PDB file of N, CA and C in Angstrom:
ATOM      1  N   UNK A   1      75.920 102.027  79.712  1.00  0.00           N
ATOM      2  CA  UNK A   1      76.855 101.327  78.853  1.00  0.00           C
ATOM      3  C   UNK A   1      77.716 102.365  78.140  1.00  0.00           C
ATOM      4  N   UNK A   2      78.919 101.981  77.858  1.00  0.00           N
ATOM      5  CA  UNK A   2      79.811 102.867  77.115  1.00  0.00           C
ATOM      6  C   UNK A   2      79.294 102.973  75.701  1.00  0.00           C
ATOM      7  N   UNK A   3      79.174 104.159  75.216  1.00  0.00           N
ATOM      8  CA  UNK A   3      78.712 104.374  73.858  1.00  0.00           C
ATOM      9  C   UNK A   3      78.703 105.852  73.552  1.00  0.00           C
ATOM     10  N   UNK A   4      78.153 106.183  72.394  1.00  0.00           N
ATOM     11  CA  UNK A   4      78.138 107.569  71.944  1.00  0.00           C
ATOM     12  C   UNK A   4      77.325 108.468  72.861  1.00  0.00           C
ATOM     13  N   UNK A   5      76.260 107.911  73.461  1.00  0.00           N
ATOM     14  CA  UNK A   5      75.350 108.734  74.247  1.00  0.00           C
ATOM     15  C   UNK A   5      75.666 108.763  75.743  1.00  0.00           C
ATOM     16  N   UNK A   6      76.562 107.901  76.189  1.00  0.00           N
ATOM     17  CA  UNK A   6      76.872 107.828  77.607  1.00  0.00           C
ATOM     18  C   UNK A   6      78.319 108.257  77.812  1.00  0.00           C
ATOM     19  N   UNK A   7      78.561 109.260  78.637  1.00  0.00           N
ATOM     20  CA  UNK A   7      79.939 109.700  78.847  1.00  0.00           C
ATOM     21  C   UNK A   7      80.736 108.667  79.643  1.00  0.00           C
ATOM     22  N   UNK A   8      82.001 108.594  79.359  1.00  0.00           N
ATOM     23  CA  UNK A   8      82.934 107.747  80.091  1.00  0.00           C
ATOM     24  C   UNK A   8      83.834 108.682  80.871  1.00  0.00           C
ATOM     25  N   UNK A   9      83.521 108.928  82.146  1.00  0.00           N
ATOM     26  CA  UNK A   9      84.266 109.943  82.890  1.00  0.00           C
ATOM     27  C   UNK A   9      85.687 109.509  83.219  1.00  0.00           C
ATOM     28  N   UNK A  10      86.615 110.365  82.871  1.00  0.00           N
ATOM     29  CA  UNK A  10      88.005 110.216  83.285  1.00  0.00           C
ATOM     30  C   UNK A  10      88.387 111.572  83.857  1.00  0.00           C
ATOM     31  N   UNK A  11      89.303 111.583  84.783  1.00  0.00           N
ATOM     32  CA  UNK A  11      89.676 112.857  85.369  1.00  0.00           C
ATOM     33  C   UNK A  11      91.143 112.877  85.725  1.00  0.00           C
ATOM     34  N   UNK A  12      91.631 114.077  85.921  1.00  0.00           N
ATOM     35  CA  UNK A  12      92.994 114.231  86.421  1.00  0.00           C
ATOM     36  C   UNK A  12      92.888 114.751  87.849  1.00  0.00           C
ATOM     37  N   UNK A  13      94.009 114.749  88.539  1.00  0.00           N
ATOM     38  CA  UNK A  13      94.006 115.081  89.966  1.00  0.00           C
ATOM     39  C   UNK A  13      95.202 115.980  90.271  1.00  0.00           C
ATOM     40  N   UNK A  14      95.167 117.233  89.797  1.00  0.00           N
ATOM     41  CA  UNK A  14      96.352 118.081  89.911  1.00  0.00           C
ATOM     42  C   UNK A  14      96.824 118.361  91.340  1.00  0.00           C
ATOM     43  N   UNK A  15      95.915 118.362  92.313  1.00  0.00           N
ATOM     44  CA  UNK A  15      96.358 118.645  93.690  1.00  0.00           C
ATOM     45  C   UNK A  15      96.556 117.379  94.528  1.00  0.00           C
ATOM     46  N   UNK A  16      96.316 116.210  93.938  1.00  0.00           N
ATOM     47  CA  UNK A  16      96.541 114.943  94.637  1.00  0.00           C
ATOM     48  C   UNK A  16      95.460 114.543  95.611  1.00  0.00           C
ATOM     49  N   UNK A  17      94.344 115.279  95.676  1.00  0.00           N
ATOM     50  CA  UNK A  17      93.297 114.978  96.653  1.00  0.00           C
ATOM     51  C   UNK A  17      92.698 113.583  96.450  1.00  0.00           C
ATOM     52  N   UNK A  18      92.411 113.235  95.207  1.00  0.00           N
ATOM     53  CA  UNK A  18      91.819 111.915  94.933  1.00  0.00           C
ATOM     54  C   UNK A  18      92.860 110.825  95.159  1.00  0.00           C
ATOM     55  N   UNK A  19      94.098 111.084  94.716  1.00  0.00           N
ATOM     56  CA  UNK A  19      95.174 110.124  94.931  1.00  0.00           C
ATOM     57  C   UNK A  19      95.388 109.821  96.399  1.00  0.00           C
ATOM     58  N   UNK A  20      95.286 110.832  97.224  1.00  0.00           N
ATOM     59  CA  UNK A  20      95.426 110.628  98.672  1.00  0.00           C
ATOM     60  C   UNK A  20      94.266 109.786  99.197  1.00  0.00           C
ATOM     61  N   UNK A  21      93.072 110.061  98.718  1.00  0.00           N
ATOM     62  CA  UNK A  21      91.887 109.326  99.150  1.00  0.00           C
ATOM     63  C   UNK A  21      91.995 107.835  98.824  1.00  0.00           C
ATOM     64  N   UNK A  22      92.537 107.516  97.637  1.00  0.00           N
ATOM     65  CA  UNK A  22      92.633 106.125  97.203  1.00  0.00           C
ATOM     66  C   UNK A  22      94.007 105.503  97.445  1.00  0.00           C
ATOM     67  N   UNK A  23      94.894 106.226  98.115  1.00  0.00           N
ATOM     68  CA  UNK A  23      96.167 105.655  98.505  1.00  0.00           C
ATOM     69  C   UNK A  23      97.195 105.505  97.393  1.00  0.00           C
ATOM     70  N   UNK A  24      97.114 106.333  96.353  1.00  0.00           N
ATOM     71  CA  UNK A  24      98.088 106.240  95.252  1.00  0.00           C
ATOM     72  C   UNK A  24      98.956 107.496  95.153  1.00  0.00           C
ATOM     73  N   UNK A  25      98.882 108.345  96.149  1.00  0.00           N
ATOM     74  CA  UNK A  25      99.675 109.574  96.144  1.00  0.00           C
ATOM     75  C   UNK A  25     100.994 109.345  96.869  1.00  0.00           C
ATOM     76  N   UNK A  26     102.090 109.709  96.226  1.00  0.00           N
ATOM     77  CA  UNK A  26     103.427 109.602  96.823  1.00  0.00           C
ATOM     78  C   UNK A  26     103.777 110.960  97.411  1.00  0.00           C
ATOM     79  N   UNK A  27     103.644 111.093  98.730  1.00  0.00           N
ATOM     80  CA  UNK A  27     103.873 112.382  99.390  1.00  0.00           C
ATOM     81  C   UNK A  27     105.319 112.846  99.253  1.00  0.00           C
ATOM     82  N   UNK A  28     106.270 111.917  99.273  1.00  0.00           N
ATOM     83  CA  UNK A  28     107.681 112.297  99.150  1.00  0.00           C
ATOM     84  C   UNK A  28     107.969 112.893  97.780  1.00  0.00           C
ATOM     85  N   UNK A  29     107.478 112.253  96.748  1.00  0.00           N
ATOM     86  CA  UNK A  29     107.717 112.728  95.384  1.00  0.00           C
ATOM     87  C   UNK A  29     106.686 113.733  94.912  1.00  0.00           C
ATOM     88  N   UNK A  30     105.652 113.933  95.713  1.00  0.00           N
ATOM     89  CA  UNK A  30     104.540 114.826  95.375  1.00  0.00           C
ATOM     90  C   UNK A  30     103.942 114.487  94.005  1.00  0.00           C
ATOM     91  N   UNK A  31     103.802 113.173  93.748  1.00  0.00           N
ATOM     92  CA  UNK A  31     103.181 112.694  92.516  1.00  0.00           C
ATOM     93  C   UNK A  31     102.286 111.515  92.857  1.00  0.00           C
ATOM     94  N   UNK A  32     101.514 111.114  91.887  1.00  0.00           N
ATOM     95  CA  UNK A  32     100.678 109.931  92.050  1.00  0.00           C
ATOM     96  C   UNK A  32     101.227 108.808  91.198  1.00  0.00           C
ATOM     97  N   UNK A  33     101.052 107.595  91.699  1.00  0.00           N
ATOM     98  CA  UNK A  33     101.322 106.456  90.840  1.00  0.00           C
ATOM     99  C   UNK A  33     100.150 106.390  89.860  1.00  0.00           C
ATOM    100  N   UNK A  34     100.268 105.556  88.858  1.00  0.00           N
ATOM    101  CA  UNK A  34      99.208 105.470  87.853  1.00  0.00           C
ATOM    102  C   UNK A  34      98.090 104.588  88.387  1.00  0.00           C
ATOM    103  N   UNK A  35      97.032 105.206  88.830  1.00  0.00           N
ATOM    104  CA  UNK A  35      95.916 104.460  89.396  1.00  0.00           C
ATOM    105  C   UNK A  35      94.714 104.507  88.479  1.00  0.00           C
ATOM    106  N   UNK A  36      94.041 103.369  88.369  1.00  0.00           N
ATOM    107  CA  UNK A  36      92.792 103.290  87.608  1.00  0.00           C
ATOM    108  C   UNK A  36      91.784 102.586  88.502  1.00  0.00           C
ATOM    109  N   UNK A  37      90.656 103.230  88.717  1.00  0.00           N
ATOM    110  CA  UNK A  37      89.627 102.695  89.592  1.00  0.00           C
ATOM    111  C   UNK A  37      88.319 102.608  88.816  1.00  0.00           C
ATOM    112  N   UNK A  38      87.696 101.448  88.806  1.00  0.00           N
ATOM    113  CA  UNK A  38      86.384 101.285  88.179  1.00  0.00           C
ATOM    114  C   UNK A  38      85.352 101.315  89.296  1.00  0.00           C
ATOM    115  N   UNK A  39      84.516 102.334  89.271  1.00  0.00           N
ATOM    116  CA  UNK A  39      83.539 102.576  90.328  1.00  0.00           C
ATOM    117  C   UNK A  39      82.156 102.449  89.722  1.00  0.00           C
ATOM    118  N   UNK A  40      81.324 101.597  90.296  1.00  0.00           N
ATOM    119  CA  UNK A  40      79.997 101.350  89.735  1.00  0.00           C
ATOM    120  C   UNK A  40      79.038 102.501  90.062  1.00  0.00           C
ATOM    121  N   UNK A  41      77.847 102.492  89.463  1.00  0.00           N
ATOM    122  CA  UNK A  41      76.895 103.578  89.700  1.00  0.00           C
ATOM    123  C   UNK A  41      76.472 103.737  91.162  1.00  0.00           C
ATOM    124  N   UNK A  42      76.684 102.696  91.968  1.00  0.00           N
ATOM    125  CA  UNK A  42      76.350 102.778  93.387  1.00  0.00           C
ATOM    126  C   UNK A  42      77.503 103.341  94.215  1.00  0.00           C
ATOM    127  N   UNK A  43      78.639 103.659  93.557  1.00  0.00           N
ATOM    128  CA  UNK A  43      79.786 104.218  94.251  1.00  0.00           C
ATOM    129  C   UNK A  43      80.748 103.187  94.809  1.00  0.00           C
ATOM    130  N   UNK A  44      80.573 101.912  94.452  1.00  0.00           N
ATOM    131  CA  UNK A  44      81.451 100.849  94.936  1.00  0.00           C
ATOM    132  C   UNK A  44      82.617 100.630  93.971  1.00  0.00           C
ATOM    133  N   UNK A  45      83.822 100.539  94.503  1.00  0.00           N
ATOM    134  CA  UNK A  45      84.980 100.228  93.675  1.00  0.00           C
ATOM    135  C   UNK A  45      84.891  98.756  93.285  1.00  0.00           C
ATOM    136  N   UNK A  46      84.781  98.499  91.995  1.00  0.00           N
ATOM    137  CA  UNK A  46      84.691  97.133  91.489  1.00  0.00           C
ATOM    138  C   UNK A  46      86.056  96.586  91.073  1.00  0.00           C
ATOM    139  N   UNK A  47      86.968  97.470  90.688  1.00  0.00           N
ATOM    140  CA  UNK A  47      88.300  97.042  90.270  1.00  0.00           C
ATOM    141  C   UNK A  47      89.251  98.219  90.393  1.00  0.00           C
ATOM    142  N   UNK A  48      90.511  97.904  90.586  1.00  0.00           N
ATOM    143  CA  UNK A  48      91.523  98.957  90.562  1.00  0.00           C
ATOM    144  C   UNK A  48      92.846  98.367  90.111  1.00  0.00           C
ATOM    145  N   UNK A  49      93.665  99.234  89.551  1.00  0.00           N
ATOM    146  CA  UNK A  49      94.999  98.857  89.112  1.00  0.00           C
ATOM    147  C   UNK A  49      95.912 100.027  89.449  1.00  0.00           C
ATOM    148  N   UNK A  50      97.064  99.731  90.014  1.00  0.00           N
ATOM    149  CA  UNK A  50      98.024 100.772  90.353  1.00  0.00           C
ATOM    150  C   UNK A  50      99.382 100.359  89.779  1.00  0.00           C
ATOM    151  N   UNK A  51      99.950 101.246  88.978  1.00  0.00           N
ATOM    152  CA  UNK A  51     101.248 100.998  88.357  1.00  0.00           C
ATOM    153  C   UNK A  51     102.207 102.133  88.714  1.00  0.00           C
ATOM    154  N   UNK A  52     103.484 101.844  88.779  1.00  0.00           N
ATOM    155  CA  UNK A  52     104.457 102.902  88.998  1.00  0.00           C
ATOM    156  C   UNK A  52     104.576 103.730  87.718  1.00  0.00           C
ATOM    157  N   UNK A  53     105.026 104.980  87.828  1.00  0.00           N
ATOM    158  CA  UNK A  53     105.013 105.901  86.685  1.00  0.00           C
ATOM    159  C   UNK A  53     105.674 105.420  85.389  1.00  0.00           C
ATOM    160  N   UNK A  54     106.707 104.581  85.403  1.00  0.00           N
ATOM    161  CA  UNK A  54     107.323 104.226  84.124  1.00  0.00           C
ATOM    162  C   UNK A  54     106.463 103.350  83.212  1.00  0.00           C
ATOM    163  N   UNK A  55     105.395 102.757  83.746  1.00  0.00           N
ATOM    164  CA  UNK A  55     104.586 101.832  82.944  1.00  0.00           C
ATOM    165  C   UNK A  55     103.183 102.398  82.766  1.00  0.00           C
ATOM    166  N   UNK A  56     102.752 102.476  81.525  1.00  0.00           N
ATOM    167  CA  UNK A  56     101.423 103.009  81.228  1.00  0.00           C
ATOM    168  C   UNK A  56     100.336 101.966  81.360  1.00  0.00           C
ATOM    169  N   UNK A  57      99.125 102.446  81.474  1.00  0.00           N
ATOM    170  CA  UNK A  57      97.965 101.574  81.563  1.00  0.00           C
ATOM    171  C   UNK A  57      97.467 101.218  80.167  1.00  0.00           C
ATOM    172  N   UNK A  58      96.608 100.213  80.077  1.00  0.00           N
ATOM    173  CA  UNK A  58      96.073  99.749  78.804  1.00  0.00           C
ATOM    174  C   UNK A  58      94.603 100.151  78.714  1.00  0.00           C
ATOM    175  N   UNK A  59      94.306 101.138  77.886  1.00  0.00           N
ATOM    176  CA  UNK A  59      92.935 101.622  77.764  1.00  0.00           C
ATOM    177  C   UNK A  59      92.004 100.545  77.229  1.00  0.00           C
ATOM    178  N   UNK A  60      92.457  99.729  76.288  1.00  0.00           N
ATOM    179  CA  UNK A  60      91.598  98.666  75.750  1.00  0.00           C
ATOM    180  C   UNK A  60      91.209  97.674  76.830  1.00  0.00           C
ATOM    181  N   UNK A  61      92.145  97.354  77.723  1.00  0.00           N
ATOM    182  CA  UNK A  61      91.827  96.436  78.819  1.00  0.00           C
ATOM    183  C   UNK A  61      90.845  97.081  79.789  1.00  0.00           C
ATOM    184  N   UNK A  62      91.011  98.359  80.059  1.00  0.00           N
ATOM    185  CA  UNK A  62      90.071  99.055  80.937  1.00  0.00           C
ATOM    186  C   UNK A  62      88.666  99.034  80.333  1.00  0.00           C
ATOM    187  N   UNK A  63      88.566  99.296  79.041  1.00  0.00           N
ATOM    188  CA  UNK A  63      87.259  99.285  78.375  1.00  0.00           C
ATOM    189  C   UNK A  63      86.647  97.884  78.387  1.00  0.00           C
ATOM    190  N   UNK A  64      87.475  96.850  78.174  1.00  0.00           N
ATOM    191  CA  UNK A  64      86.975  95.473  78.220  1.00  0.00           C
ATOM    192  C   UNK A  64      86.406  95.168  79.601  1.00  0.00           C
ATOM    193  N   UNK A  65      87.116  95.579  80.644  1.00  0.00           N
ATOM    194  CA  UNK A  65      86.641  95.332  81.999  1.00  0.00           C
ATOM    195  C   UNK A  65      85.357  96.098  82.294  1.00  0.00           C
ATOM    196  N   UNK A  66      85.274  97.325  81.849  1.00  0.00           N
ATOM    197  CA  UNK A  66      84.046  98.103  82.056  1.00  0.00           C
ATOM    198  C   UNK A  66      82.869  97.399  81.389  1.00  0.00           C
ATOM    199  N   UNK A  67      83.060  96.945  80.160  1.00  0.00           N
ATOM    200  CA  UNK A  67      81.987  96.236  79.443  1.00  0.00           C
ATOM    201  C   UNK A  67      81.599  94.954  80.170  1.00  0.00           C
ATOM    202  N   UNK A  68      82.580  94.258  80.742  1.00  0.00           N
ATOM    203  CA  UNK A  68      82.293  93.038  81.503  1.00  0.00           C
ATOM    204  C   UNK A  68      81.475  93.356  82.752  1.00  0.00           C
ATOM    205  N   UNK A  69      81.881  94.395  83.489  1.00  0.00           N
ATOM    206  CA  UNK A  69      81.117  94.782  84.679  1.00  0.00           C
ATOM    207  C   UNK A  69      79.706  95.227  84.305  1.00  0.00           C
ATOM    208  N   UNK A  70      79.559  95.934  83.185  1.00  0.00           N
ATOM    209  CA  UNK A  70      78.239  96.359  82.736  1.00  0.00           C
ATOM    210  C   UNK A  70      77.363  95.159  82.387  1.00  0.00           C
ATOM    211  N   UNK A  71      77.935  94.166  81.714  1.00  0.00           N
ATOM    212  CA  UNK A  71      77.173  92.976  81.352  1.00  0.00           C
ATOM    213  C   UNK A  71      76.702  92.244  82.604  1.00  0.00           C
ATOM    214  N   UNK A  72      77.605  92.041  83.554  1.00  0.00           N
ATOM    215  CA  UNK A  72      77.260  91.336  84.787  1.00  0.00           C
ATOM    216  C   UNK A  72      76.173  92.102  85.548  1.00  0.00           C
ATOM    217  N   UNK A  73      76.297  93.418  85.601  1.00  0.00           N
ATOM    218  CA  UNK A  73      75.303  94.237  86.298  1.00  0.00           C
ATOM    219  C   UNK A  73      73.945  94.157  85.599  1.00  0.00           C
ATOM    220  N   UNK A  74      73.961  94.269  84.273  1.00  0.00           N
ATOM    221  CA  UNK A  74      72.700  94.212  83.511  1.00  0.00           C
ATOM    222  C   UNK A  74      72.024  92.849  83.652  1.00  0.00           C
ATOM    223  N   UNK A  75      72.828  91.792  83.805  1.00  0.00           N
ATOM    224  CA  UNK A  75      72.279  90.439  83.961  1.00  0.00           C
ATOM    225  C   UNK A  75      71.891  90.146  85.404  1.00  0.00           C
ATOM    226  N   UNK A  76      72.098  91.110  86.273  1.00  0.00           N
ATOM    227  CA  UNK A  76      71.753  90.905  87.679  1.00  0.00           C
ATOM    228  C   UNK A  76      72.564  89.803  88.334  1.00  0.00           C
ATOM    229  N   UNK A  77      73.763  89.558  87.818  1.00  0.00           N
ATOM    230  CA  UNK A  77      74.615  88.514  88.377  1.00  0.00           C
ATOM    231  C   UNK A  77      74.319  87.128  87.842  1.00  0.00           C
ATOM    232  N   UNK A  78      73.376  87.011  86.892  1.00  0.00           N
ATOM    233  CA  UNK A  78      73.030  85.708  86.326  1.00  0.00           C
ATOM    234  C   UNK A  78      74.047  85.252  85.286  1.00  0.00           C
ATOM    235  N   UNK A  79      74.942  86.148  84.879  1.00  0.00           N
ATOM    236  CA  UNK A  79      76.028  85.814  83.963  1.00  0.00           C
ATOM    237  C   UNK A  79      77.316  86.389  84.536  1.00  0.00           C
ATOM    238  N   UNK A  80      78.411  85.680  84.327  1.00  0.00           N
ATOM    239  CA  UNK A  80      79.726  86.174  84.709  1.00  0.00           C
ATOM    240  C   UNK A  80      80.667  85.998  83.525  1.00  0.00           C
ATOM    241  N   UNK A  81      81.751  86.754  83.546  1.00  0.00           N
ATOM    242  CA  UNK A  81      82.688  86.703  82.432  1.00  0.00           C
ATOM    243  C   UNK A  81      83.963  85.983  82.862  1.00  0.00           C
ATOM    244  N   UNK A  82      84.350  84.955  82.120  1.00  0.00           N
ATOM    245  CA  UNK A  82      85.575  84.235  82.461  1.00  0.00           C
ATOM    246  C   UNK A  82      86.820  85.013  82.055  1.00  0.00           C
ATOM    247  N   UNK A  83      87.959  84.507  82.455  1.00  0.00           N
ATOM    248  CA  UNK A  83      89.243  85.107  82.101  1.00  0.00           C
ATOM    249  C   UNK A  83      89.353  85.250  80.590  1.00  0.00           C
ATOM    250  N   UNK A  84      89.796  86.417  80.141  1.00  0.00           N
ATOM    251  CA  UNK A  84      89.976  86.640  78.711  1.00  0.00           C
ATOM    252  C   UNK A  84      88.698  86.940  77.956  1.00  0.00           C
ATOM    253  N   UNK A  85      87.580  87.056  78.656  1.00  0.00           N
ATOM    254  CA  UNK A  85      86.301  87.324  77.998  1.00  0.00           C
ATOM    255  C   UNK A  85      86.382  88.600  77.176  1.00  0.00           C
ATOM    256  N   UNK A  86      85.748  88.581  76.019  1.00  0.00           N
ATOM    257  CA  UNK A  86      85.592  89.750  75.156  1.00  0.00           C
ATOM    258  C   UNK A  86      84.106  89.920  74.877  1.00  0.00           C
ATOM    259  N   UNK A  87      83.649  91.156  74.644  1.00  0.00           N
ATOM    260  CA  UNK A  87      82.238  91.372  74.333  1.00  0.00           C
ATOM    261  C   UNK A  87      81.774  90.476  73.186  1.00  0.00           C
ATOM    262  N   UNK A  88      80.622  89.869  73.387  1.00  0.00           N
ATOM    263  CA  UNK A  88      80.046  88.974  72.390  1.00  0.00           C
ATOM    264  C   UNK A  88      80.473  87.524  72.536  1.00  0.00           C
ATOM    265  N   UNK A  89      81.418  87.260  73.417  1.00  0.00           N
ATOM    266  CA  UNK A  89      81.890  85.893  73.617  1.00  0.00           C
ATOM    267  C   UNK A  89      81.117  85.221  74.744  1.00  0.00           C
ATOM    268  N   UNK A  90      81.384  83.934  74.925  1.00  0.00           N
ATOM    269  CA  UNK A  90      80.671  83.100  75.890  1.00  0.00           C
ATOM    270  C   UNK A  90      80.807  83.637  77.319  1.00  0.00           C
ATOM    271  N   UNK A  91      79.686  83.640  78.031  1.00  0.00           N
ATOM    272  CA  UNK A  91      79.687  83.954  79.460  1.00  0.00           C
ATOM    273  C   UNK A  91      79.363  82.672  80.219  1.00  0.00           C
ATOM    274  N   UNK A  92      79.426  82.749  81.507  1.00  0.00           N
ATOM    275  CA  UNK A  92      79.127  81.600  82.350  1.00  0.00           C
ATOM    276  C   UNK A  92      77.959  81.920  83.277  1.00  0.00           C
ATOM    277  N   UNK A  93      77.250  80.898  83.686  1.00  0.00           N
ATOM    278  CA  UNK A  93      76.167  81.027  84.656  1.00  0.00           C
ATOM    279  C   UNK A  93      76.728  80.634  86.022  1.00  0.00           C
ATOM    280  N   UNK A  94      76.814  81.579  86.948  1.00  0.00           N
ATOM    281  CA  UNK A  94      77.405  81.236  88.249  1.00  0.00           C
ATOM    282  C   UNK A  94      76.541  80.269  89.043  1.00  0.00           C
ATOM    283  N   UNK A  95      77.207  79.344  89.709  1.00  0.00           N
ATOM    284  CA  UNK A  95      76.522  78.403  90.596  1.00  0.00           C
ATOM    285  C   UNK A  95      77.575  77.732  91.464  1.00  0.00           C
ATOM    286  N   UNK A  96      77.168  77.142  92.572  1.00  0.00           N
ATOM    287  CA  UNK A  96      78.140  76.407  93.393  1.00  0.00           C
ATOM    288  C   UNK A  96      78.844  75.300  92.600  1.00  0.00           C
ATOM    289  N   UNK A  97      78.151  74.692  91.644  1.00  0.00           N
ATOM    290  CA  UNK A  97      78.745  73.615  90.844  1.00  0.00           C
ATOM    291  C   UNK A  97      79.855  74.124  89.929  1.00  0.00           C
ATOM    292  N   UNK A  98      79.845  75.418  89.611  1.00  0.00           N
ATOM    293  CA  UNK A  98      80.866  75.987  88.729  1.00  0.00           C
ATOM    294  C   UNK A  98      82.198  76.173  89.448  1.00  0.00           C
ATOM    295  N   UNK A  99      82.152  76.327  90.766  1.00  0.00           N
ATOM    296  CA  UNK A  99      83.366  76.561  91.553  1.00  0.00           C
ATOM    297  C   UNK A  99      84.323  75.376  91.365  1.00  0.00           C
ATOM    298  N   UNK A 100      85.514  75.680  90.894  1.00  0.00           N
ATOM    299  CA  UNK A 100      86.518  74.646  90.647  1.00  0.00           C
ATOM    300  C   UNK A 100      86.299  73.865  89.366  1.00  0.00           C
ATOM    301  N   UNK A 101      85.243  74.205  88.624  1.00  0.00           N
ATOM    302  CA  UNK A 101      84.918  73.468  87.407  1.00  0.00           C
ATOM    303  C   UNK A 101      84.773  74.352  86.175  1.00  0.00           C
ATOM    304  N   UNK A 102      85.277  75.567  86.252  1.00  0.00           N
ATOM    305  CA  UNK A 102      85.168  76.471  85.103  1.00  0.00           C
ATOM    306  C   UNK A 102      85.739  75.812  83.863  1.00  0.00           C
ATOM    307  N   UNK A 103      86.827  75.084  84.014  1.00  0.00           N
ATOM    308  CA  UNK A 103      87.486  74.439  82.882  1.00  0.00           C
ATOM    309  C   UNK A 103      86.556  73.477  82.142  1.00  0.00           C
ATOM    310  N   UNK A 104      85.515  72.972  82.804  1.00  0.00           N
ATOM    311  CA  UNK A 104      84.558  72.081  82.140  1.00  0.00           C
ATOM    312  C   UNK A 104      83.583  72.861  81.263  1.00  0.00           C
ATOM    313  N   UNK A 105      83.392  74.137  81.576  1.00  0.00           N
ATOM    314  CA  UNK A 105      82.427  74.972  80.867  1.00  0.00           C
ATOM    315  C   UNK A 105      83.058  75.942  79.884  1.00  0.00           C
ATOM    316  N   UNK A 106      84.354  76.242  80.071  1.00  0.00           N
ATOM    317  CA  UNK A 106      84.989  77.291  79.282  1.00  0.00           C
ATOM    318  C   UNK A 106      86.454  76.959  79.059  1.00  0.00           C
ATOM    319  N   UNK A 107      86.948  77.266  77.853  1.00  0.00           N
ATOM    320  CA  UNK A 107      88.369  77.092  77.568  1.00  0.00           C
ATOM    321  C   UNK A 107      88.893  78.367  76.901  1.00  0.00           C
ATOM    322  N   UNK A 108      90.197  78.486  76.808  1.00  0.00           N
ATOM    323  CA  UNK A 108      90.805  79.660  76.186  1.00  0.00           C
ATOM    324  C   UNK A 108      90.283  79.845  74.762  1.00  0.00           C
ATOM    325  N   UNK A 109      89.979  78.754  74.075  1.00  0.00           N
ATOM    326  CA  UNK A 109      89.449  78.844  72.710  1.00  0.00           C
ATOM    327  C   UNK A 109      88.108  79.566  72.659  1.00  0.00           C
ATOM    328  N   UNK A 110      87.356  79.553  73.755  1.00  0.00           N
ATOM    329  CA  UNK A 110      86.066  80.255  73.801  1.00  0.00           C
ATOM    330  C   UNK A 110      86.244  81.772  73.794  1.00  0.00           C
ATOM    331  N   UNK A 111      87.433  82.256  74.140  1.00  0.00           N
ATOM    332  CA  UNK A 111      87.693  83.692  74.182  1.00  0.00           C
ATOM    333  C   UNK A 111      88.083  84.236  72.810  1.00  0.00           C
ATOM    334  N   UNK A 112      88.366  83.361  71.861  1.00  0.00           N
ATOM    335  CA  UNK A 112      88.820  83.812  70.544  1.00  0.00           C
ATOM    336  C   UNK A 112      87.670  84.121  69.624  1.00  0.00           C
TER     337      UNK A 112
END
């Protein structure tokens, strides 16, 4: 979990090796687009966002997503986070009955 005792690794890629690996390196311009990849402890990419250089990324949104992935992982998939979820707010229990019916279990007001 993100906290004082657990490092949150971020890195730069001065030679473009990682950017080339993840497909965000612009060979013509010799630069990378703004890529953010959330990779779980098993090495699986759980989320990614790629933006062109004029637009910056949102660190608070990245942290919210990391916390959501951590919660889902810790719950073993028994809880999921709906759109707009914030730490400490309502989660959902996944099931076939929930498909197409999230609106019956969760509303935007639950995210506030």
